[in-house]
C-alpha atoms as a PDB file:
ATOM      1  CA  UNK A   1      59.211 -27.607 -26.233  1.00  0.00           C
ATOM      2  CA  UNK A   2      61.130 -28.757 -23.166  1.00  0.00           C
ATOM      3  CA  UNK A   3      60.098 -31.834 -21.231  1.00  0.00           C
ATOM      4  CA  UNK A   4      58.584 -33.635 -24.208  1.00  0.00           C
ATOM      5  CA  UNK A   5      60.878 -36.681 -24.148  1.00  0.00           C
ATOM      6  CA  UNK A   6      58.836 -38.636 -21.591  1.00  0.00           C
ATOM      7  CA  UNK A   7      55.558 -37.741 -23.258  1.00  0.00           C
ATOM      8  CA  UNK A   8      56.869 -38.767 -26.673  1.00  0.00           C
ATOM      9  CA  UNK A   9      58.190 -42.190 -25.659  1.00  0.00           C
ATOM     10  CA  UNK A  10      54.981 -43.978 -26.565  1.00  0.00           C
ATOM     11  CA  UNK A  11      54.469 -41.958 -29.732  1.00  0.00           C
ATOM     12  CA  UNK A  12      57.921 -41.885 -31.253  1.00  0.00           C
ATOM     13  CA  UNK A  13      57.508 -45.110 -33.236  1.00  0.00           C
ATOM     14  CA  UNK A  14      54.461 -43.699 -35.000  1.00  0.00           C
ATOM     15  CA  UNK A  15      56.132 -40.357 -35.613  1.00  0.00           C
ATOM     16  CA  UNK A  16      59.216 -42.035 -37.111  1.00  0.00           C
ATOM     17  CA  UNK A  17      57.044 -44.311 -39.264  1.00  0.00           C
ATOM     18  CA  UNK A  18      55.145 -41.283 -40.562  1.00  0.00           C
ATOM     19  CA  UNK A  19      58.415 -39.571 -41.502  1.00  0.00           C
ATOM     20  CA  UNK A  20      59.530 -42.724 -43.331  1.00  0.00           C
ATOM     21  CA  UNK A  21      56.201 -42.870 -45.161  1.00  0.00           C
ATOM     22  CA  UNK A  22      56.342 -39.171 -46.071  1.00  0.00           C
ATOM     23  CA  UNK A  23      59.838 -39.513 -47.515  1.00  0.00           C
ATOM     24  CA  UNK A  24      59.161 -42.990 -49.025  1.00  0.00           C
ATOM     25  CA  UNK A  25      62.651 -44.014 -47.937  1.00  0.00           C
ATOM     26  CA  UNK A  26      65.128 -42.423 -45.583  1.00  0.00           C
ATOM     27  CA  UNK A  27      67.933 -43.088 -43.106  1.00  0.00           C
ATOM     28  CA  UNK A  28      68.433 -42.393 -39.406  1.00  0.00           C
ATOM     29  CA  UNK A  29      70.343 -39.126 -39.609  1.00  0.00           C
ATOM     30  CA  UNK A  30      67.775 -37.662 -41.999  1.00  0.00           C
ATOM     31  CA  UNK A  31      64.941 -38.745 -39.678  1.00  0.00           C
ATOM     32  CA  UNK A  32      66.678 -37.056 -36.738  1.00  0.00           C
ATOM     33  CA  UNK A  33      67.058 -33.844 -38.754  1.00  0.00           C
ATOM     34  CA  UNK A  34      63.384 -33.965 -39.727  1.00  0.00           C
ATOM     35  CA  UNK A  35      62.362 -34.380 -36.081  1.00  0.00           C
ATOM     36  CA  UNK A  36      64.509 -31.410 -35.042  1.00  0.00           C
ATOM     37  CA  UNK A  37      63.184 -29.288 -37.929  1.00  0.00           C
ATOM     38  CA  UNK A  38      59.635 -30.152 -36.859  1.00  0.00           C
ATOM     39  CA  UNK A  39      60.282 -28.945 -33.318  1.00  0.00           C
ATOM     40  CA  UNK A  40      61.278 -32.163 -31.556  1.00  0.00           C
ATOM     41  CA  UNK A  41      64.676 -30.736 -30.647  1.00  0.00           C
ATOM     42  CA  UNK A  42      65.161 -32.929 -27.561  1.00  0.00           C
ATOM     43  CA  UNK A  43      65.217 -36.137 -29.619  1.00  0.00           C
ATOM     44  CA  UNK A  44      68.791 -37.311 -30.108  1.00  0.00           C
ATOM     45  CA  UNK A  45      70.124 -39.493 -32.884  1.00  0.00           C
ATOM     46  CA  UNK A  46      70.721 -42.451 -30.557  1.00  0.00           C
ATOM     47  CA  UNK A  47      67.042 -42.496 -29.626  1.00  0.00           C
ATOM     48  CA  UNK A  48      66.045 -42.535 -33.284  1.00  0.00           C
ATOM     49  CA  UNK A  49      68.329 -45.498 -34.015  1.00  0.00           C
ATOM     50  CA  UNK A  50      66.863 -47.392 -31.048  1.00  0.00           C
ATOM     51  CA  UNK A  51      63.363 -46.782 -32.428  1.00  0.00           C
ATOM     52  CA  UNK A  52      64.455 -47.848 -35.917  1.00  0.00           C
ATOM     53  CA  UNK A  53      65.897 -51.083 -34.537  1.00  0.00           C
ATOM     54  CA  UNK A  54      62.612 -51.792 -32.719  1.00  0.00           C
ATOM     55  CA  UNK A  55      60.623 -51.103 -35.882  1.00  0.00           C
ATOM     56  CA  UNK A  56      62.899 -53.403 -37.852  1.00  0.00           C
ATOM     57  CA  UNK A  57      62.441 -56.198 -35.270  1.00  0.00           C
ATOM     58  CA  UNK A  58      58.657 -55.730 -35.454  1.00  0.00           C
ATOM     59  CA  UNK A  59      58.879 -56.232 -39.208  1.00  0.00           C
ATOM     60  CA  UNK A  60      57.150 -52.957 -40.104  1.00  0.00           C
ATOM     61  CA  UNK A  61      60.024 -51.553 -42.184  1.00  0.00           C
ATOM     62  CA  UNK A  62      62.309 -52.967 -44.821  1.00  0.00           C
ATOM     63  CA  UNK A  63      65.951 -51.968 -44.885  1.00  0.00           C
ATOM     64  CA  UNK A  64      68.672 -51.710 -47.469  1.00  0.00           C
ATOM     65  CA  UNK A  65      72.313 -50.798 -46.895  1.00  0.00           C
ATOM     66  CA  UNK A  66      73.819 -48.548 -49.537  1.00  0.00           C
ATOM     67  CA  UNK A  67      77.242 -47.087 -50.041  1.00  0.00           C
ATOM     68  CA  UNK A  68      77.561 -43.411 -49.299  1.00  0.00           C
ATOM     69  CA  UNK A  69      79.936 -40.974 -50.950  1.00  0.00           C
ATOM     70  CA  UNK A  70      80.113 -39.085 -47.653  1.00  0.00           C
ATOM     71  CA  UNK A  71      81.314 -41.922 -45.424  1.00  0.00           C
ATOM     72  CA  UNK A  72      80.188 -45.343 -44.261  1.00  0.00           C
ATOM     73  CA  UNK A  73      77.247 -47.180 -45.802  1.00  0.00           C
ATOM     74  CA  UNK A  74      73.800 -45.964 -44.804  1.00  0.00           C
ATOM     75  CA  UNK A  75      70.836 -48.109 -43.889  1.00  0.00           C
ATOM     76  CA  UNK A  76      67.731 -46.894 -45.697  1.00  0.00           C
ATOM     77  CA  UNK A  77      64.271 -47.610 -44.302  1.00  0.00           C
ATOM     78  CA  UNK A  78      60.990 -48.048 -46.154  1.00  0.00           C
ATOM     79  CA  UNK A  79      57.531 -48.755 -44.819  1.00  0.00           C
ATOM     80  CA  UNK A  80      56.142 -52.144 -45.840  1.00  0.00           C
ATOM     81  CA  UNK A  81      52.494 -53.324 -45.845  1.00  0.00           C
ATOM     82  CA  UNK A  82      52.672 -54.360 -42.197  1.00  0.00           C
ATOM     83  CA  UNK A  83      54.128 -50.923 -41.423  1.00  0.00           C
ATOM     84  CA  UNK A  84      51.256 -49.197 -43.230  1.00  0.00           C
ATOM     85  CA  UNK A  85      48.751 -51.084 -41.074  1.00  0.00           C
ATOM     86  CA  UNK A  86      50.782 -50.390 -37.926  1.00  0.00           C
ATOM     87  CA  UNK A  87      50.891 -46.675 -38.765  1.00  0.00           C
ATOM     88  CA  UNK A  88      47.143 -46.538 -39.412  1.00  0.00           C
ATOM     89  CA  UNK A  89      46.527 -48.193 -36.021  1.00  0.00           C
ATOM     90  CA  UNK A  90      48.854 -45.638 -34.426  1.00  0.00           C
ATOM     91  CA  UNK A  91      46.837 -42.744 -35.877  1.00  0.00           C
ATOM     92  CA  UNK A  92      43.538 -44.357 -34.810  1.00  0.00           C
ATOM     93  CA  UNK A  93      44.849 -44.601 -31.247  1.00  0.00           C
ATOM     94  CA  UNK A  94      46.186 -41.053 -31.444  1.00  0.00           C
ATOM     95  CA  UNK A  95      42.831 -39.649 -32.633  1.00  0.00           C
ATOM     96  CA  UNK A  96      41.083 -41.495 -29.792  1.00  0.00           C
ATOM     97  CA  UNK A  97      43.565 -40.117 -27.247  1.00  0.00           C
ATOM     98  CA  UNK A  98      43.193 -36.549 -28.532  1.00  0.00           C
ATOM     99  CA  UNK A  99      39.411 -36.906 -28.425  1.00  0.00           C
ATOM    100  CA  UNK A 100      39.465 -38.162 -24.839  1.00  0.00           C
ATOM    101  CA  UNK A 101      41.878 -35.439 -23.735  1.00  0.00           C
ATOM    102  CA  UNK A 102      39.609 -32.816 -25.286  1.00  0.00           C
ATOM    103  CA  UNK A 103      36.684 -34.235 -23.298  1.00  0.00           C
ATOM    104  CA  UNK A 104      38.683 -34.063 -20.074  1.00  0.00           C
ATOM    105  CA  UNK A 105      39.688 -30.467 -20.831  1.00  0.00           C
ATOM    106  CA  UNK A 106      36.078 -29.552 -21.676  1.00  0.00           C
ATOM    107  CA  UNK A 107      34.973 -31.022 -18.345  1.00  0.00           C
ATOM    108  CA  UNK A 108      37.498 -28.762 -16.611  1.00  0.00           C
ATOM    109  CA  UNK A 109      35.912 -25.709 -18.210  1.00  0.00           C
ATOM    110  CA  UNK A 110      32.386 -26.793 -17.254  1.00  0.00           C
ATOM    111  CA  UNK A 111      33.538 -27.473 -13.667  1.00  0.00           C
ATOM    112  CA  UNK A 112      35.005 -23.955 -13.497  1.00  0.00           C
ATOM    113  CA  UNK A 113      31.737 -22.439 -14.739  1.00  0.00           C
ATOM    114  CA  UNK A 114      29.781 -24.441 -12.183  1.00  0.00           C
ATOM    115  CA  UNK A 115      32.121 -23.282  -9.386  1.00  0.00           C
ATOM    116  CA  UNK A 116      31.553 -19.648 -10.411  1.00  0.00           C
ATOM    117  CA  UNK A 117      27.798 -19.909  -9.801  1.00  0.00           C
END
């Protein structure tokens, strides 16, 4: 969906962490492909690497460089215990946000019904 980049900025860390958790370990290019396959086609590889660097600095992922038969070494990412907690907090915040948005939307519908009377 077009125009999602701005909306996703605050959520991308959690989305990337969830992909890492789902795959148990992965690297940047694979994460980018997963995002595109999931419908986040506007996310570019450079953005993913920026997010990965931030996650690494926060200490929520562990990294390991490995040789690749297809080219330069790849940096693999795994979620650590701190990352698991960070991801759970992300989903708690996300559930709260979705709940609040649903309330706002429901209020819109009730306002429309009231205006019709």
